[in-house]
Amino acid sequence: MPVHIKSRREIGGIRNAGRVVVKALDAVSREVGPGVALRHLERLCADVIRAHGGEPTFLGYRGYPAAVCVSVNDEVVHGIPGNRVLAEGDIVKVDVGVTKDGLIADAARTFEVGRVRPEVHALVEATERAFWKGVEQARHGNRVGDISHAVQEFVERHGYSVVRALCGHAVGLELHEEPSVPNYGRAGKGMTLKAGMTLAVEPMVNLGGFDVDTLDDGWTVVTKDGSPSAHYEHTVLVTDGKPEILTGG
């Protein structure tokens, strides 16, 4: 698959899609709480996306049956929202993709449901901080491995593990483009980053080990040891200077 360096028009379109992603995630943040059904969060996102001229990118993608991914506790990513309801102390990851005028943006957040255990709260915070450590390296002339290494080094220094079976990716014209962006690796290795690349950088961080399994539904990825997992993602524009978050509001 070729690497797409986005034009100014395409970057503007991805930014517009990113604004809709943010509106959907902000709507979720206002609704999350004990007793809320996962299906409600999915429908809320779908309604917000369509109300702002977009379409849910994930719906039907490779057969995925829902508008967004909703994953709880030990579910890492790709959870299929159903009638299950959230309980006090859960963490829920909501991953949203929006297609608007043919261009795509992708982001995810981990939400705490009521009061969570201190070690789980720390995991959620560390996952977001790991994202920002990685994004600092998303600059023209750096390598993909610089992002990967920055994420891994931060995560492991704080006693967590990064999921290795899944990774970030370029995004924009398609949902998954090259290059892949792992959350572990060696600095100075991998593809050279160029201004105009748009990357979905997305640490997936486990409280326990990094091994994962996929449930019988063929989609939901869970930690093998049952430990909680957190996820944080934005679509990021590589520039000659400071990277720009295209799903940042």
C-alpha atoms as a PDB file:
ATOM      1  CA  MET A   1       0.000   0.000   0.000  1.00  0.00           C
ATOM      2  CA  PRO A   2       1.475   3.405  -0.936  1.00  0.00           C
ATOM      3  CA  VAL A   3       2.214   6.116   1.611  1.00  0.00           C
ATOM      4  CA  HIS A   4      -0.093   9.111   1.159  1.00  0.00           C
ATOM      5  CA  ILE A   5       1.309  12.589   1.729  1.00  0.00           C
ATOM      6  CA  LYS A   6      -1.815  14.679   2.145  1.00  0.00           C
ATOM      7  CA  SER A   7      -2.497  17.873   0.220  1.00  0.00           C
ATOM      8  CA  ARG A   8      -3.621  21.048   1.952  1.00  0.00           C
ATOM      9  CA  ARG A   9      -7.193  20.319   0.847  1.00  0.00           C
ATOM     10  CA  GLU A  10      -7.054  16.779   2.186  1.00  0.00           C
ATOM     11  CA  ILE A  11      -5.599  17.930   5.502  1.00  0.00           C
ATOM     12  CA  GLY A  12      -8.435  20.431   5.809  1.00  0.00           C
ATOM     13  CA  GLY A  13     -10.964  17.682   5.142  1.00  0.00           C
ATOM     14  CA  ILE A  14      -9.405  15.351   7.725  1.00  0.00           C
ATOM     15  CA  ARG A  15      -9.456  18.227  10.217  1.00  0.00           C
ATOM     16  CA  ASN A  16     -13.187  18.719   9.504  1.00  0.00           C
ATOM     17  CA  ALA A  17     -13.838  15.014  10.072  1.00  0.00           C
ATOM     18  CA  GLY A  18     -11.762  15.264  13.241  1.00  0.00           C
ATOM     19  CA  ARG A  19     -14.023  17.983  14.609  1.00  0.00           C
ATOM     20  CA  VAL A  20     -16.958  15.590  14.298  1.00  0.00           C
ATOM     21  CA  VAL A  21     -14.999  12.849  16.074  1.00  0.00           C
ATOM     22  CA  VAL A  22     -14.435  15.261  18.970  1.00  0.00           C
ATOM     23  CA  LYS A  23     -18.129  16.138  19.145  1.00  0.00           C
ATOM     24  CA  ALA A  24     -19.019  12.442  19.380  1.00  0.00           C
ATOM     25  CA  LEU A  25     -16.460  11.735  22.114  1.00  0.00           C
ATOM     26  CA  ASP A  26     -17.497  14.844  24.037  1.00  0.00           C
ATOM     27  CA  ALA A  27     -21.105  13.637  23.894  1.00  0.00           C
ATOM     28  CA  VAL A  28     -19.988  10.300  25.333  1.00  0.00           C
ATOM     29  CA  SER A  29     -18.140  12.034  28.147  1.00  0.00           C
ATOM     30  CA  ARG A  30     -21.397  13.683  29.222  1.00  0.00           C
ATOM     31  CA  GLU A  31     -23.345  10.402  29.192  1.00  0.00           C
ATOM     32  CA  VAL A  32     -20.951   7.847  30.689  1.00  0.00           C
ATOM     33  CA  GLY A  33     -22.047   6.584  34.092  1.00  0.00           C
ATOM     34  CA  PRO A  34     -23.273   3.548  36.005  1.00  0.00           C
ATOM     35  CA  GLY A  35     -26.317   1.956  34.386  1.00  0.00           C
ATOM     36  CA  VAL A  36     -25.653   3.328  30.892  1.00  0.00           C
ATOM     37  CA  ALA A  37     -25.872   0.689  28.155  1.00  0.00           C
ATOM     38  CA  LEU A  38     -23.029   0.327  25.672  1.00  0.00           C
ATOM     39  CA  ARG A  39     -25.555   0.364  22.853  1.00  0.00           C
ATOM     40  CA  HIS A  40     -26.740   3.783  24.018  1.00  0.00           C
ATOM     41  CA  LEU A  41     -23.203   5.163  23.676  1.00  0.00           C
ATOM     42  CA  GLU A  42     -22.950   3.726  20.164  1.00  0.00           C
ATOM     43  CA  ARG A  43     -26.276   5.222  19.077  1.00  0.00           C
ATOM     44  CA  LEU A  44     -25.339   8.562  20.629  1.00  0.00           C
ATOM     45  CA  CYS A  45     -22.118   8.662  18.617  1.00  0.00           C
ATOM     46  CA  ALA A  46     -23.858   7.646  15.400  1.00  0.00           C
ATOM     47  CA  ASP A  47     -26.489  10.358  15.865  1.00  0.00           C
ATOM     48  CA  VAL A  48     -23.873  13.045  16.523  1.00  0.00           C
ATOM     49  CA  ILE A  49     -21.766  11.964  13.555  1.00  0.00           C
ATOM     50  CA  ARG A  50     -24.687  12.028  11.123  1.00  0.00           C
ATOM     51  CA  ALA A  51     -26.048  15.293  12.528  1.00  0.00           C
ATOM     52  CA  HIS A  52     -22.753  16.926  11.521  1.00  0.00           C
ATOM     53  CA  GLY A  53     -22.634  15.556   7.991  1.00  0.00           C
ATOM     54  CA  GLY A  54     -20.445  12.530   8.589  1.00  0.00           C
ATOM     55  CA  GLU A  55     -20.763   8.768   8.494  1.00  0.00           C
ATOM     56  CA  PRO A  56     -19.434   6.244  11.039  1.00  0.00           C
ATOM     57  CA  THR A  57     -16.335   4.852   9.334  1.00  0.00           C
ATOM     58  CA  PHE A  58     -16.281   1.606  11.290  1.00  0.00           C
ATOM     59  CA  LEU A  59     -19.825   0.481  10.447  1.00  0.00           C
ATOM     60  CA  GLY A  60     -19.451  -2.404   7.997  1.00  0.00           C
ATOM     61  CA  TYR A  61     -15.657  -2.020   7.785  1.00  0.00           C
ATOM     62  CA  ARG A  62     -14.389  -5.544   7.141  1.00  0.00           C
ATOM     63  CA  GLY A  63     -17.766  -6.668   8.480  1.00  0.00           C
ATOM     64  CA  TYR A  64     -17.637  -4.809  11.808  1.00  0.00           C
ATOM     65  CA  PRO A  65     -21.290  -4.581  12.943  1.00  0.00           C
ATOM     66  CA  ALA A  66     -21.413  -1.310  14.904  1.00  0.00           C
ATOM     67  CA  ALA A  67     -20.912   2.423  14.388  1.00  0.00           C
ATOM     68  CA  VAL A  68     -18.139   2.742  17.006  1.00  0.00           C
ATOM     69  CA  CYS A  69     -16.040   0.392  19.124  1.00  0.00           C
ATOM     70  CA  VAL A  70     -16.907   0.234  22.834  1.00  0.00           C
ATOM     71  CA  SER A  71     -14.582  -1.844  25.035  1.00  0.00           C
ATOM     72  CA  VAL A  72     -14.840  -2.308  28.815  1.00  0.00           C
ATOM     73  CA  ASN A  73     -12.181  -3.117  31.430  1.00  0.00           C
ATOM     74  CA  ASP A  74     -10.005  -5.995  30.117  1.00  0.00           C
ATOM     75  CA  GLU A  75     -11.320  -5.464  26.584  1.00  0.00           C
ATOM     76  CA  VAL A  76      -8.490  -3.674  24.785  1.00  0.00           C
ATOM     77  CA  VAL A  77     -10.191  -2.564  21.567  1.00  0.00           C
ATOM     78  CA  HIS A  78     -12.845  -3.491  18.990  1.00  0.00           C
ATOM     79  CA  GLY A  79     -15.559  -4.294  21.528  1.00  0.00           C
ATOM     80  CA  ILE A  80     -19.015  -4.638  19.971  1.00  0.00           C
ATOM     81  CA  PRO A  81     -21.553  -2.528  21.892  1.00  0.00           C
ATOM     82  CA  GLY A  82     -24.631  -4.392  23.067  1.00  0.00           C
ATOM     83  CA  ASN A  83     -27.102  -4.313  25.945  1.00  0.00           C
ATOM     84  CA  ARG A  84     -24.472  -4.620  28.667  1.00  0.00           C
ATOM     85  CA  VAL A  85     -24.586  -1.722  31.109  1.00  0.00           C
ATOM     86  CA  LEU A  86     -21.695   0.075  32.767  1.00  0.00           C
ATOM     87  CA  ALA A  87     -21.053  -0.335  36.484  1.00  0.00           C
ATOM     88  CA  GLU A  88     -19.316   1.827  39.063  1.00  0.00           C
ATOM     89  CA  GLY A  89     -15.563   1.329  38.780  1.00  0.00           C
ATOM     90  CA  ASP A  90     -15.524   0.269  35.111  1.00  0.00           C
ATOM     91  CA  ILE A  91     -13.379   1.884  32.466  1.00  0.00           C
ATOM     92  CA  VAL A  92     -14.802   2.116  28.961  1.00  0.00           C
ATOM     93  CA  LYS A  93     -12.881   2.797  25.789  1.00  0.00           C
ATOM     94  CA  VAL A  94     -14.767   4.450  22.938  1.00  0.00           C
ATOM     95  CA  ASP A  95     -13.072   4.494  19.534  1.00  0.00           C
ATOM     96  CA  VAL A  96     -14.668   6.701  16.870  1.00  0.00           C
ATOM     97  CA  GLY A  97     -13.958   6.989  13.165  1.00  0.00           C
ATOM     98  CA  VAL A  98     -15.695   9.589  10.992  1.00  0.00           C
ATOM     99  CA  THR A  99     -15.838   9.828   7.223  1.00  0.00           C
ATOM    100  CA  LYS A 100     -16.830  13.281   5.988  1.00  0.00           C
ATOM    101  CA  ASP A 101     -16.613  14.366   2.360  1.00  0.00           C
ATOM    102  CA  GLY A 102     -14.545  11.264   1.639  1.00  0.00           C
ATOM    103  CA  LEU A 103     -11.876  11.911   4.284  1.00  0.00           C
ATOM    104  CA  ILE A 104     -11.368  10.095   7.571  1.00  0.00           C
ATOM    105  CA  ALA A 105     -10.316  10.925  11.127  1.00  0.00           C
ATOM    106  CA  ASP A 106      -9.992   8.501  14.036  1.00  0.00           C
ATOM    107  CA  ALA A 107      -9.631   8.953  17.810  1.00  0.00           C
ATOM    108  CA  ALA A 108     -10.314   7.132  21.075  1.00  0.00           C
ATOM    109  CA  ARG A 109     -10.549   7.923  24.769  1.00  0.00           C
ATOM    110  CA  THR A 110     -10.812   5.878  27.939  1.00  0.00           C
ATOM    111  CA  PHE A 111     -13.576   7.037  30.296  1.00  0.00           C
ATOM    112  CA  GLU A 112     -13.809   6.243  33.996  1.00  0.00           C
ATOM    113  CA  VAL A 113     -17.239   5.180  35.266  1.00  0.00           C
ATOM    114  CA  GLY A 114     -17.718   6.751  38.656  1.00  0.00           C
ATOM    115  CA  ARG A 115     -14.856   6.067  41.058  1.00  0.00           C
ATOM    116  CA  VAL A 116     -12.305   3.551  39.796  1.00  0.00           C
ATOM    117  CA  ARG A 117      -9.515   1.835  41.702  1.00  0.00           C
ATOM    118  CA  PRO A 118      -6.444   4.078  42.139  1.00  0.00           C
ATOM    119  CA  GLU A 119      -4.232   1.757  40.100  1.00  0.00           C
ATOM    120  CA  VAL A 120      -6.734   1.799  37.223  1.00  0.00           C
ATOM    121  CA  HIS A 121      -6.991   5.600  37.337  1.00  0.00           C
ATOM    122  CA  ALA A 122      -3.186   5.750  37.181  1.00  0.00           C
ATOM    123  CA  LEU A 123      -3.224   3.412  34.154  1.00  0.00           C
ATOM    124  CA  VAL A 124      -5.671   5.666  32.298  1.00  0.00           C
ATOM    125  CA  GLU A 125      -3.591   8.752  33.029  1.00  0.00           C
ATOM    126  CA  ALA A 126      -0.336   7.042  32.016  1.00  0.00           C
ATOM    127  CA  THR A 127      -1.822   5.912  28.702  1.00  0.00           C
ATOM    128  CA  GLU A 128      -2.711   9.470  27.752  1.00  0.00           C
ATOM    129  CA  ARG A 129       0.719  10.705  28.839  1.00  0.00           C
ATOM    130  CA  ALA A 130       2.345   7.956  26.748  1.00  0.00           C
ATOM    131  CA  PHE A 131       0.446   9.239  23.722  1.00  0.00           C
ATOM    132  CA  TRP A 132       1.867  12.728  24.194  1.00  0.00           C
ATOM    133  CA  LYS A 133       5.388  11.335  24.597  1.00  0.00           C
ATOM    134  CA  GLY A 134       4.986   9.526  21.285  1.00  0.00           C
ATOM    135  CA  VAL A 135       3.481  12.479  19.463  1.00  0.00           C
ATOM    136  CA  GLU A 136       6.443  14.676  20.389  1.00  0.00           C
ATOM    137  CA  GLN A 137       8.402  12.528  17.925  1.00  0.00           C
ATOM    138  CA  ALA A 138       5.909  12.846  15.030  1.00  0.00           C
ATOM    139  CA  ARG A 139       8.023  15.372  13.147  1.00  0.00           C
ATOM    140  CA  HIS A 140       9.395  15.593   9.621  1.00  0.00           C
ATOM    141  CA  GLY A 141      12.693  13.711   9.363  1.00  0.00           C
ATOM    142  CA  ASN A 142      12.153  11.482  12.383  1.00  0.00           C
ATOM    143  CA  ARG A 143      11.406   7.766  12.081  1.00  0.00           C
ATOM    144  CA  VAL A 144       8.312   5.774  12.988  1.00  0.00           C
ATOM    145  CA  GLY A 145      10.474   3.980  15.544  1.00  0.00           C
ATOM    146  CA  ASP A 146      11.038   7.257  17.363  1.00  0.00           C
ATOM    147  CA  ILE A 147       7.304   7.411  18.135  1.00  0.00           C
ATOM    148  CA  SER A 148       7.201   3.719  19.031  1.00  0.00           C
ATOM    149  CA  HIS A 149      10.206   3.876  21.334  1.00  0.00           C
ATOM    150  CA  ALA A 150       8.966   6.988  23.144  1.00  0.00           C
ATOM    151  CA  VAL A 151       5.644   5.297  23.926  1.00  0.00           C
ATOM    152  CA  GLN A 152       7.229   2.025  25.028  1.00  0.00           C
ATOM    153  CA  GLU A 153       9.892   3.650  27.162  1.00  0.00           C
ATOM    154  CA  PHE A 154       7.366   5.755  29.060  1.00  0.00           C
ATOM    155  CA  VAL A 155       4.892   2.906  29.541  1.00  0.00           C
ATOM    156  CA  GLU A 156       7.417   0.344  30.737  1.00  0.00           C
ATOM    157  CA  ARG A 157       9.223   2.834  32.976  1.00  0.00           C
ATOM    158  CA  HIS A 158       5.919   3.244  34.828  1.00  0.00           C
ATOM    159  CA  GLY A 159       5.418  -0.488  35.230  1.00  0.00           C
ATOM    160  CA  TYR A 160       2.835  -1.162  32.509  1.00  0.00           C
ATOM    161  CA  SER A 161       2.986  -3.039  29.205  1.00  0.00           C
ATOM    162  CA  VAL A 162       2.133  -1.992  25.657  1.00  0.00           C
ATOM    163  CA  VAL A 163       0.018  -4.254  23.476  1.00  0.00           C
ATOM    164  CA  ARG A 164       2.223  -5.604  20.700  1.00  0.00           C
ATOM    165  CA  ALA A 165      -0.334  -7.452  18.590  1.00  0.00           C
ATOM    166  CA  LEU A 166      -2.023  -4.189  17.537  1.00  0.00           C
ATOM    167  CA  CYS A 167      -0.682  -0.837  16.429  1.00  0.00           C
ATOM    168  CA  GLY A 168      -1.470   2.620  15.137  1.00  0.00           C
ATOM    169  CA  HIS A 169      -1.518   3.497  11.453  1.00  0.00           C
ATOM    170  CA  ALA A 170      -1.682   6.257   8.919  1.00  0.00           C
ATOM    171  CA  VAL A 171      -5.219   7.420   8.175  1.00  0.00           C
ATOM    172  CA  GLY A 172      -7.071   9.925   6.024  1.00  0.00           C
ATOM    173  CA  LEU A 173      -7.917   8.668   2.552  1.00  0.00           C
ATOM    174  CA  GLU A 174      -8.476   5.174   3.959  1.00  0.00           C
ATOM    175  CA  LEU A 175      -9.024   4.028   7.522  1.00  0.00           C
ATOM    176  CA  HIS A 176      -5.808   2.011   7.578  1.00  0.00           C
ATOM    177  CA  GLU A 177      -2.899   3.264   5.492  1.00  0.00           C
ATOM    178  CA  GLU A 178       0.847   2.771   5.611  1.00  0.00           C
ATOM    179  CA  PRO A 179       2.902   3.159   7.658  1.00  0.00           C
ATOM    180  CA  SER A 180       1.881   1.133  10.685  1.00  0.00           C
ATOM    181  CA  VAL A 181       2.819   2.829  13.971  1.00  0.00           C
ATOM    182  CA  PRO A 182       3.647   0.239  16.661  1.00  0.00           C
ATOM    183  CA  ASN A 183       3.721   1.212  20.316  1.00  0.00           C
ATOM    184  CA  TYR A 184       7.070  -0.479  20.849  1.00  0.00           C
ATOM    185  CA  GLY A 185      10.320  -0.447  18.925  1.00  0.00           C
ATOM    186  CA  ARG A 186      13.740   1.082  18.511  1.00  0.00           C
ATOM    187  CA  ALA A 187      14.435   4.765  18.022  1.00  0.00           C
ATOM    188  CA  GLY A 188      15.904   5.624  14.635  1.00  0.00           C
ATOM    189  CA  LYS A 189      14.284   2.647  12.909  1.00  0.00           C
ATOM    190  CA  GLY A 190      11.358   2.366  10.522  1.00  0.00           C
ATOM    191  CA  MET A 191       9.995   4.630   7.821  1.00  0.00           C
ATOM    192  CA  THR A 192      11.117   8.257   7.709  1.00  0.00           C
ATOM    193  CA  LEU A 193       8.298  10.637   8.591  1.00  0.00           C
ATOM    194  CA  LYS A 194       7.427  13.391   6.125  1.00  0.00           C
ATOM    195  CA  ALA A 195       5.390  16.562   6.522  1.00  0.00           C
ATOM    196  CA  GLY A 196       1.859  15.876   5.311  1.00  0.00           C
ATOM    197  CA  MET A 197       1.573  12.385   6.765  1.00  0.00           C
ATOM    198  CA  THR A 198      -1.487  11.888   8.955  1.00  0.00           C
ATOM    199  CA  LEU A 199      -1.083   9.226  11.630  1.00  0.00           C
ATOM    200  CA  ALA A 200      -3.416   7.616  14.147  1.00  0.00           C
ATOM    201  CA  VAL A 201      -1.113   7.298  17.144  1.00  0.00           C
ATOM    202  CA  GLU A 202      -2.817   5.081  19.719  1.00  0.00           C
ATOM    203  CA  PRO A 203      -1.133   3.569  22.759  1.00  0.00           C
ATOM    204  CA  MET A 204      -2.972   0.516  24.113  1.00  0.00           C
ATOM    205  CA  VAL A 205      -1.594  -0.081  27.593  1.00  0.00           C
ATOM    206  CA  ASN A 206      -2.223  -2.962  30.004  1.00  0.00           C
ATOM    207  CA  LEU A 207      -1.971  -3.054  33.778  1.00  0.00           C
ATOM    208  CA  GLY A 208      -0.619  -6.601  33.430  1.00  0.00           C
ATOM    209  CA  GLY A 209       1.151  -8.391  30.583  1.00  0.00           C
ATOM    210  CA  PHE A 210       1.009  -7.436  26.922  1.00  0.00           C
ATOM    211  CA  ASP A 211      -0.453 -10.701  25.589  1.00  0.00           C
ATOM    212  CA  VAL A 212      -3.987 -10.551  24.176  1.00  0.00           C
ATOM    213  CA  ASP A 213      -6.671 -12.884  22.830  1.00  0.00           C
ATOM    214  CA  THR A 214      -9.622 -12.330  20.504  1.00  0.00           C
ATOM    215  CA  LEU A 215     -13.070 -13.433  21.668  1.00  0.00           C
ATOM    216  CA  ASP A 216     -15.336 -15.744  19.693  1.00  0.00           C
ATOM    217  CA  ASP A 217     -17.150 -12.764  18.165  1.00  0.00           C
ATOM    218  CA  GLY A 218     -14.039 -12.352  15.996  1.00  0.00           C
ATOM    219  CA  TRP A 219     -13.546  -8.725  17.023  1.00  0.00           C
ATOM    220  CA  THR A 220     -13.191  -8.046  20.727  1.00  0.00           C
ATOM    221  CA  VAL A 221      -9.536  -8.104  21.821  1.00  0.00           C
ATOM    222  CA  VAL A 222      -8.992  -8.798  25.539  1.00  0.00           C
ATOM    223  CA  THR A 223      -5.955  -9.017  27.778  1.00  0.00           C
ATOM    224  CA  LYS A 224      -4.878 -12.626  28.189  1.00  0.00           C
ATOM    225  CA  ASP A 225      -4.403 -12.249  31.951  1.00  0.00           C
ATOM    226  CA  GLY A 226      -7.689 -10.384  32.493  1.00  0.00           C
ATOM    227  CA  SER A 227      -5.972  -7.168  33.549  1.00  0.00           C
ATOM    228  CA  PRO A 228      -7.502  -3.753  32.747  1.00  0.00           C
ATOM    229  CA  SER A 229      -6.412  -2.010  29.556  1.00  0.00           C
ATOM    230  CA  ALA A 230      -6.566   1.656  28.514  1.00  0.00           C
ATOM    231  CA  HIS A 231      -6.526   3.243  25.048  1.00  0.00           C
ATOM    232  CA  TYR A 232      -5.863   6.809  23.902  1.00  0.00           C
ATOM    233  CA  GLU A 233      -5.730   7.948  20.267  1.00  0.00           C
ATOM    234  CA  HIS A 234      -5.692  11.025  18.067  1.00  0.00           C
ATOM    235  CA  THR A 235      -5.192  11.659  14.376  1.00  0.00           C
ATOM    236  CA  VAL A 236      -1.937  13.614  14.091  1.00  0.00           C
ATOM    237  CA  LEU A 237      -0.491  15.704  11.253  1.00  0.00           C
ATOM    238  CA  VAL A 238       3.273  15.448  10.801  1.00  0.00           C
ATOM    239  CA  THR A 239       4.779  18.880  10.112  1.00  0.00           C
ATOM    240  CA  ASP A 240       8.207  20.517   9.932  1.00  0.00           C
ATOM    241  CA  GLY A 241       7.653  21.712  13.502  1.00  0.00           C
ATOM    242  CA  LYS A 242       5.187  20.882  16.241  1.00  0.00           C
ATOM    243  CA  PRO A 243       2.764  18.097  15.242  1.00  0.00           C
ATOM    244  CA  GLU A 244      -0.878  19.135  14.879  1.00  0.00           C
ATOM    245  CA  ILE A 245      -3.689  17.148  16.507  1.00  0.00           C
ATOM    246  CA  LEU A 246      -6.458  16.916  13.907  1.00  0.00           C
ATOM    247  CA  THR A 247      -8.957  15.392  16.377  1.00  0.00           C
ATOM    248  CA  GLY A 248      -8.341  17.947  19.099  1.00  0.00           C
ATOM    249  CA  GLY A 249     -11.382  20.204  18.850  1.00  0.00           C
END
